[in-house]
Structure formats: structure tokens, C-alpha cells
PDB file of N, CA and C in Angstrom:
ATOM      1  N   UNK A   1     -38.333-124.153 -25.634  1.00  0.00           N
ATOM      2  CA  UNK A   1     -37.909-123.549 -26.885  1.00  0.00           C
ATOM      3  C   UNK A   1     -36.597-122.783 -26.685  1.00  0.00           C
ATOM      4  N   UNK A   2     -36.066-122.266 -27.743  1.00  0.00           N
ATOM      5  CA  UNK A   2     -34.770-121.616 -27.681  1.00  0.00           C
ATOM      6  C   UNK A   2     -34.842-120.220 -27.077  1.00  0.00           C
ATOM      7  N   UNK A   3     -35.999-119.594 -27.153  1.00  0.00           N
ATOM      8  CA  UNK A   3     -36.127-118.239 -26.630  1.00  0.00           C
ATOM      9  C   UNK A   3     -37.109-118.202 -25.479  1.00  0.00           C
ATOM     10  N   UNK A   4     -36.980-117.196 -24.650  1.00  0.00           N
ATOM     11  CA  UNK A   4     -37.856-117.078 -23.493  1.00  0.00           C
ATOM     12  C   UNK A   4     -39.302-116.854 -23.893  1.00  0.00           C
ATOM     13  N   UNK A   5     -39.530-116.154 -24.998  1.00  0.00           N
ATOM     14  CA  UNK A   5     -40.889-115.848 -25.423  1.00  0.00           C
ATOM     15  C   UNK A   5     -41.548-117.038 -26.127  1.00  0.00           C
ATOM     16  N   UNK A   6     -40.769-118.072 -26.426  1.00  0.00           N
ATOM     17  CA  UNK A   6     -41.322-119.236 -27.107  1.00  0.00           C
ATOM     18  C   UNK A   6     -41.489-119.025 -28.600  1.00  0.00           C
ATOM     19  N   UNK A   7     -40.888-117.972 -29.156  1.00  0.00           N
ATOM     20  CA  UNK A   7     -41.008-117.659 -30.577  1.00  0.00           C
ATOM     21  C   UNK A   7     -40.022-118.509 -31.366  1.00  0.00           C
ATOM     22  N   UNK A   8     -40.545-119.456 -32.118  1.00  0.00           N
ATOM     23  CA  UNK A   8     -39.699-120.376 -32.864  1.00  0.00           C
ATOM     24  C   UNK A   8     -39.059-119.719 -34.088  1.00  0.00           C
ATOM     25  N   UNK A   9     -39.609-118.594 -34.538  1.00  0.00           N
ATOM     26  CA  UNK A   9     -39.105-117.952 -35.746  1.00  0.00           C
ATOM     27  C   UNK A   9     -37.677-117.432 -35.579  1.00  0.00           C
ATOM     28  N   UNK A  10     -37.227-117.237 -34.341  1.00  0.00           N
ATOM     29  CA  UNK A  10     -35.866-116.758 -34.098  1.00  0.00           C
ATOM     30  C   UNK A  10     -34.873-117.904 -33.966  1.00  0.00           C
ATOM     31  N   UNK A  11     -35.356-119.146 -33.947  1.00  0.00           N
ATOM     32  CA  UNK A  11     -34.510-120.311 -33.763  1.00  0.00           C
ATOM     33  C   UNK A  11     -34.007-120.813 -35.105  1.00  0.00           C
ATOM     34  N   UNK A  12     -32.813-121.399 -35.099  1.00  0.00           N
ATOM     35  CA  UNK A  12     -32.244-121.941 -36.320  1.00  0.00           C
ATOM     36  C   UNK A  12     -32.670-123.390 -36.477  1.00  0.00           C
ATOM     37  N   UNK A  13     -33.249-123.709 -37.627  1.00  0.00           N
ATOM     38  CA  UNK A  13     -33.670-125.071 -37.940  1.00  0.00           C
ATOM     39  C   UNK A  13     -32.591-125.751 -38.781  1.00  0.00           C
ATOM     40  N   UNK A  14     -32.255-126.966 -38.396  1.00  0.00           N
ATOM     41  CA  UNK A  14     -31.223-127.724 -39.091  1.00  0.00           C
ATOM     42  C   UNK A  14     -31.832-128.933 -39.781  1.00  0.00           C
ATOM     43  N   UNK A  15     -31.270-129.322 -40.905  1.00  0.00           N
ATOM     44  CA  UNK A  15     -31.691-130.544 -41.578  1.00  0.00           C
ATOM     45  C   UNK A  15     -31.060-131.736 -40.871  1.00  0.00           C
ATOM     46  N   UNK A  16     -31.536-132.927 -41.190  1.00  0.00           N
ATOM     47  CA  UNK A  16     -30.970-134.143 -40.610  1.00  0.00           C
ATOM     48  C   UNK A  16     -29.493-134.260 -40.980  1.00  0.00           C
ATOM     49  N   UNK A  17     -29.145-133.914 -42.200  1.00  0.00           N
ATOM     50  CA  UNK A  17     -27.746-133.978 -42.631  1.00  0.00           C
ATOM     51  C   UNK A  17     -26.876-133.009 -41.834  1.00  0.00           C
ATOM     52  N   UNK A  18     -27.385-131.810 -41.569  1.00  0.00           N
ATOM     53  CA  UNK A  18     -26.633-130.833 -40.779  1.00  0.00           C
ATOM     54  C   UNK A  18     -26.451-131.301 -39.337  1.00  0.00           C
ATOM     55  N   UNK A  19     -27.501-131.906 -38.769  1.00  0.00           N
ATOM     56  CA  UNK A  19     -27.415-132.439 -37.408  1.00  0.00           C
ATOM     57  C   UNK A  19     -26.389-133.567 -37.365  1.00  0.00           C
ATOM     58  N   UNK A  20     -26.422-134.450 -38.361  1.00  0.00           N
ATOM     59  CA  UNK A  20     -25.479-135.566 -38.418  1.00  0.00           C
ATOM     60  C   UNK A  20     -24.040-135.061 -38.491  1.00  0.00           C
ATOM     61  N   UNK A  21     -23.801-134.045 -39.305  1.00  0.00           N
ATOM     62  CA  UNK A  21     -22.463-133.481 -39.416  1.00  0.00           C
ATOM     63  C   UNK A  21     -22.037-132.824 -38.104  1.00  0.00           C
ATOM     64  N   UNK A  22     -22.964-132.135 -37.470  1.00  0.00           N
ATOM     65  CA  UNK A  22     -22.678-131.451 -36.209  1.00  0.00           C
ATOM     66  C   UNK A  22     -22.321-132.450 -35.097  1.00  0.00           C
ATOM     67  N   UNK A  23     -23.039-133.583 -35.078  1.00  0.00           N
ATOM     68  CA  UNK A  23     -22.825-134.600 -34.050  1.00  0.00           C
ATOM     69  C   UNK A  23     -21.772-135.631 -34.454  1.00  0.00           C
ATOM     70  N   UNK A  24     -21.342-135.579 -35.715  1.00  0.00           N
ATOM     71  CA  UNK A  24     -20.390-136.535 -36.282  1.00  0.00           C
ATOM     72  C   UNK A  24     -20.903-137.971 -36.189  1.00  0.00           C
ATOM     73  N   UNK A  25     -22.164-138.139 -36.614  1.00  0.00           N
ATOM     74  CA  UNK A  25     -22.796-139.451 -36.698  1.00  0.00           C
ATOM     75  C   UNK A  25     -23.458-139.560 -38.072  1.00  0.00           C
ATOM     76  N   UNK A  26     -24.004-140.732 -38.371  1.00  0.00           N
ATOM     77  CA  UNK A  26     -24.680-140.893 -39.659  1.00  0.00           C
ATOM     78  C   UNK A  26     -26.083-140.293 -39.611  1.00  0.00           C
ATOM     79  N   UNK A  27     -26.644-140.055 -40.789  1.00  0.00           N
ATOM     80  CA  UNK A  27     -28.020-139.557 -40.861  1.00  0.00           C
ATOM     81  C   UNK A  27     -28.986-140.570 -40.267  1.00  0.00           C
ATOM     82  N   UNK A  28     -28.710-141.862 -40.438  1.00  0.00           N
ATOM     83  CA  UNK A  28     -29.576-142.901 -39.886  1.00  0.00           C
ATOM     84  C   UNK A  28     -29.632-142.804 -38.359  1.00  0.00           C
ATOM     85  N   UNK A  29     -28.523-142.485 -37.730  1.00  0.00           N
ATOM     86  CA  UNK A  29     -28.502-142.322 -36.272  1.00  0.00           C
ATOM     87  C   UNK A  29     -29.406-141.170 -35.857  1.00  0.00           C
ATOM     88  N   UNK A  30     -29.372-140.085 -36.604  1.00  0.00           N
ATOM     89  CA  UNK A  30     -30.237-138.942 -36.299  1.00  0.00           C
ATOM     90  C   UNK A  30     -31.697-139.336 -36.473  1.00  0.00           C
ATOM     91  N   UNK A  31     -32.019-140.055 -37.550  1.00  0.00           N
ATOM     92  CA  UNK A  31     -33.397-140.515 -37.748  1.00  0.00           C
ATOM     93  C   UNK A  31     -33.846-141.412 -36.595  1.00  0.00           C
ATOM     94  N   UNK A  32     -32.958-142.280 -36.112  1.00  0.00           N
ATOM     95  CA  UNK A  32     -33.313-143.146 -34.973  1.00  0.00           C
ATOM     96  C   UNK A  32     -33.597-142.308 -33.727  1.00  0.00           C
ATOM     97  N   UNK A  33     -32.793-141.288 -33.481  1.00  0.00           N
ATOM     98  CA  UNK A  33     -33.007-140.416 -32.322  1.00  0.00           C
ATOM     99  C   UNK A  33     -34.339-139.680 -32.436  1.00  0.00           C
ATOM    100  N   UNK A  34     -34.662-139.219 -33.640  1.00  0.00           N
ATOM    101  CA  UNK A  34     -35.919-138.499 -33.862  1.00  0.00           C
ATOM    102  C   UNK A  34     -37.107-139.438 -33.682  1.00  0.00           C
ATOM    103  N   UNK A  35     -37.063-140.584 -34.336  1.00  0.00           N
ATOM    104  CA  UNK A  35     -38.183-141.535 -34.266  1.00  0.00           C
ATOM    105  C   UNK A  35     -38.338-142.121 -32.872  1.00  0.00           C
ATOM    106  N   UNK A  36     -37.238-142.233 -32.139  1.00  0.00           N
ATOM    107  CA  UNK A  36     -37.288-142.762 -30.781  1.00  0.00           C
ATOM    108  C   UNK A  36     -37.719-141.732 -29.744  1.00  0.00           C
ATOM    109  N   UNK A  37     -37.865-140.478 -30.173  1.00  0.00           N
ATOM    110  CA  UNK A  37     -38.305-139.436 -29.263  1.00  0.00           C
ATOM    111  C   UNK A  37     -37.198-138.821 -28.419  1.00  0.00           C
ATOM    112  N   UNK A  38     -35.961-139.215 -28.659  1.00  0.00           N
ATOM    113  CA  UNK A  38     -34.844-138.671 -27.889  1.00  0.00           C
ATOM    114  C   UNK A  38     -34.442-137.276 -28.361  1.00  0.00           C
ATOM    115  N   UNK A  39     -34.704-136.980 -29.630  1.00  0.00           N
ATOM    116  CA  UNK A  39     -34.369-135.684 -30.217  1.00  0.00           C
ATOM    117  C   UNK A  39     -35.629-135.099 -30.847  1.00  0.00           C
ATOM    118  N   UNK A  40     -36.151-134.012 -30.289  1.00  0.00           N
ATOM    119  CA  UNK A  40     -37.370-133.410 -30.845  1.00  0.00           C
ATOM    120  C   UNK A  40     -37.127-132.878 -32.265  1.00  0.00           C
ATOM    121  N   UNK A  41     -38.124-133.018 -33.121  1.00  0.00           N
ATOM    122  CA  UNK A  41     -37.997-132.549 -34.498  1.00  0.00           C
ATOM    123  C   UNK A  41     -39.353-132.080 -35.017  1.00  0.00           C
ATOM    124  N   UNK A  42     -39.293-131.235 -36.026  1.00  0.00           N
ATOM    125  CA  UNK A  42     -40.494-130.756 -36.714  1.00  0.00           C
ATOM    126  C   UNK A  42     -40.580-131.476 -38.049  1.00  0.00           C
ATOM    127  N   UNK A  43     -41.769-131.864 -38.428  1.00  0.00           N
ATOM    128  CA  UNK A  43     -41.957-132.507 -39.720  1.00  0.00           C
ATOM    129  C   UNK A  43     -42.352-131.435 -40.731  1.00  0.00           C
ATOM    130  N   UNK A  44     -41.593-131.345 -41.809  1.00  0.00           N
ATOM    131  CA  UNK A  44     -41.879-130.403 -42.883  1.00  0.00           C
ATOM    132  C   UNK A  44     -42.023-131.229 -44.151  1.00  0.00           C
ATOM    133  N   UNK A  45     -43.260-131.459 -44.537  1.00  0.00           N
ATOM    134  CA  UNK A  45     -43.493-132.339 -45.684  1.00  0.00           C
ATOM    135  C   UNK A  45     -43.026-133.736 -45.351  1.00  0.00           C
ATOM    136  N   UNK A  46     -42.083-134.244 -46.129  1.00  0.00           N
ATOM    137  CA  UNK A  46     -41.553-135.587 -45.878  1.00  0.00           C
ATOM    138  C   UNK A  46     -40.220-135.559 -45.164  1.00  0.00           C
ATOM    139  N   UNK A  47     -39.745-134.374 -44.788  1.00  0.00           N
ATOM    140  CA  UNK A  47     -38.448-134.266 -44.126  1.00  0.00           C
ATOM    141  C   UNK A  47     -38.591-133.735 -42.706  1.00  0.00           C
ATOM    142  N   UNK A  48     -37.517-133.796 -41.963  1.00  0.00           N
ATOM    143  CA  UNK A  48     -37.501-133.328 -40.589  1.00  0.00           C
ATOM    144  C   UNK A  48     -36.571-132.127 -40.455  1.00  0.00           C
ATOM    145  N   UNK A  49     -36.903-131.255 -39.511  1.00  0.00           N
ATOM    146  CA  UNK A  49     -36.034-130.143 -39.130  1.00  0.00           C
ATOM    147  C   UNK A  49     -35.885-130.194 -37.626  1.00  0.00           C
ATOM    148  N   UNK A  50     -34.677-129.920 -37.158  1.00  0.00           N
ATOM    149  CA  UNK A  50     -34.377-129.980 -35.736  1.00  0.00           C
ATOM    150  C   UNK A  50     -33.856-128.623 -35.296  1.00  0.00           C
ATOM    151  N   UNK A  51     -34.371-128.141 -34.166  1.00  0.00           N
ATOM    152  CA  UNK A  51     -33.889-126.872 -33.635  1.00  0.00           C
ATOM    153  C   UNK A  51     -32.455-127.037 -33.144  1.00  0.00           C
ATOM    154  N   UNK A  52     -31.617-126.076 -33.485  1.00  0.00           N
ATOM    155  CA  UNK A  52     -30.217-126.126 -33.067  1.00  0.00           C
ATOM    156  C   UNK A  52     -30.112-126.203 -31.540  1.00  0.00           C
ATOM    157  N   UNK A  53     -30.996-125.505 -30.855  1.00  0.00           N
ATOM    158  CA  UNK A  53     -30.972-125.526 -29.385  1.00  0.00           C
ATOM    159  C   UNK A  53     -31.311-126.917 -28.846  1.00  0.00           C
ATOM    160  N   UNK A  54     -32.166-127.670 -29.553  1.00  0.00           N
ATOM    161  CA  UNK A  54     -32.488-129.035 -29.131  1.00  0.00           C
ATOM    162  C   UNK A  54     -31.291-129.966 -29.315  1.00  0.00           C
ATOM    163  N   UNK A  55     -30.516-129.750 -30.377  1.00  0.00           N
ATOM    164  CA  UNK A  55     -29.303-130.545 -30.585  1.00  0.00           C
ATOM    165  C   UNK A  55     -28.307-130.239 -29.466  1.00  0.00           C
ATOM    166  N   UNK A  56     -28.127-128.960 -29.166  1.00  0.00           N
ATOM    167  CA  UNK A  56     -27.216-128.564 -28.090  1.00  0.00           C
ATOM    168  C   UNK A  56     -27.637-129.186 -26.765  1.00  0.00           C
ATOM    169  N   UNK A  57     -28.929-129.154 -26.477  1.00  0.00           N
ATOM    170  CA  UNK A  57     -29.452-129.722 -25.228  1.00  0.00           C
ATOM    171  C   UNK A  57     -29.243-131.231 -25.185  1.00  0.00           C
ATOM    172  N   UNK A  58     -29.483-131.910 -26.295  1.00  0.00           N
ATOM    173  CA  UNK A  58     -29.281-133.357 -26.350  1.00  0.00           C
ATOM    174  C   UNK A  58     -27.818-133.698 -26.081  1.00  0.00           C
ATOM    175  N   UNK A  59     -26.908-132.957 -26.713  1.00  0.00           N
ATOM    176  CA  UNK A  59     -25.485-133.211 -26.506  1.00  0.00           C
ATOM    177  C   UNK A  59     -25.073-132.917 -25.072  1.00  0.00           C
ATOM    178  N   UNK A  60     -25.622-131.865 -24.502  1.00  0.00           N
ATOM    179  CA  UNK A  60     -25.314-131.504 -23.119  1.00  0.00           C
ATOM    180  C   UNK A  60     -25.762-132.616 -22.163  1.00  0.00           C
ATOM    181  N   UNK A  61     -26.956-133.160 -22.389  1.00  0.00           N
ATOM    182  CA  UNK A  61     -27.479-134.227 -21.537  1.00  0.00           C
ATOM    183  C   UNK A  61     -26.698-135.534 -21.733  1.00  0.00           C
ATOM    184  N   UNK A  62     -26.196-135.762 -22.940  1.00  0.00           N
ATOM    185  CA  UNK A  62     -25.523-137.015 -23.262  1.00  0.00           C
ATOM    186  C   UNK A  62     -24.073-137.042 -22.812  1.00  0.00           C
ATOM    187  N   UNK A  63     -23.520-135.894 -22.510  1.00  0.00           N
ATOM    188  CA  UNK A  63     -22.113-135.806 -22.135  1.00  0.00           C
ATOM    189  C   UNK A  63     -21.892-136.406 -20.762  1.00  0.00           C
ATOM    190  N   UNK A  64     -20.844-137.224 -20.646  1.00  0.00           N
ATOM    191  CA  UNK A  64     -20.490-137.747 -19.327  1.00  0.00           C
ATOM    192  C   UNK A  64     -18.979-137.752 -19.200  1.00  0.00           C
ATOM    193  N   UNK A  65     -18.521-137.709 -17.981  1.00  0.00           N
ATOM    194  CA  UNK A  65     -17.105-137.675 -17.698  1.00  0.00           C
ATOM    195  C   UNK A  65     -16.597-139.089 -17.441  1.00  0.00           C
ATOM    196  N   UNK A  66     -15.665-139.519 -18.240  1.00  0.00           N
ATOM    197  CA  UNK A  66     -15.100-140.862 -18.071  1.00  0.00           C
ATOM    198  C   UNK A  66     -13.938-140.815 -17.073  1.00  0.00           C
ATOM    199  N   UNK A  67     -13.948-141.719 -16.149  1.00  0.00           N
ATOM    200  CA  UNK A  67     -12.834-141.822 -15.212  1.00  0.00           C
ATOM    201  C   UNK A  67     -13.206-141.274 -13.927  1.00  0.00           C
TER     202      UNK A  67
END
């Protein structure tokens, strides 16, 4: 989780559209990452919410140095 105590209430939840804008990809790409298990998400009704810290971690893991 984003905090040491594991308290999710202090974490920022992002919508799929916000994650897509942050990553500069389409919403469909974010849905594929969520459904594929590569990006953890919470289900709220019929929509998904993603912790900002999980997006940061995914981007950190995905980064590679070319050359």
C-alpha cells in the first residue's frame, strides 16, 4: 500500500481516465492492464479506481534505459 500503516484512506484514488492521462495512453490500455493483473485496481460499482502509488510503481517497473 501507499502508507506504512496500510491505511488506504490516505491514498489518492484515480479513475481510469485520470490514469490514462497520467500515462499518456488510451483508457482501453488501462483497462487491459487492470484486467491482465499488471495494474492493481479497486472495483467501485461498475468502475475501477487505481491507487496513485500503484501507477507510480507500475511506471517505475516499466522504465528501461535504451542504449
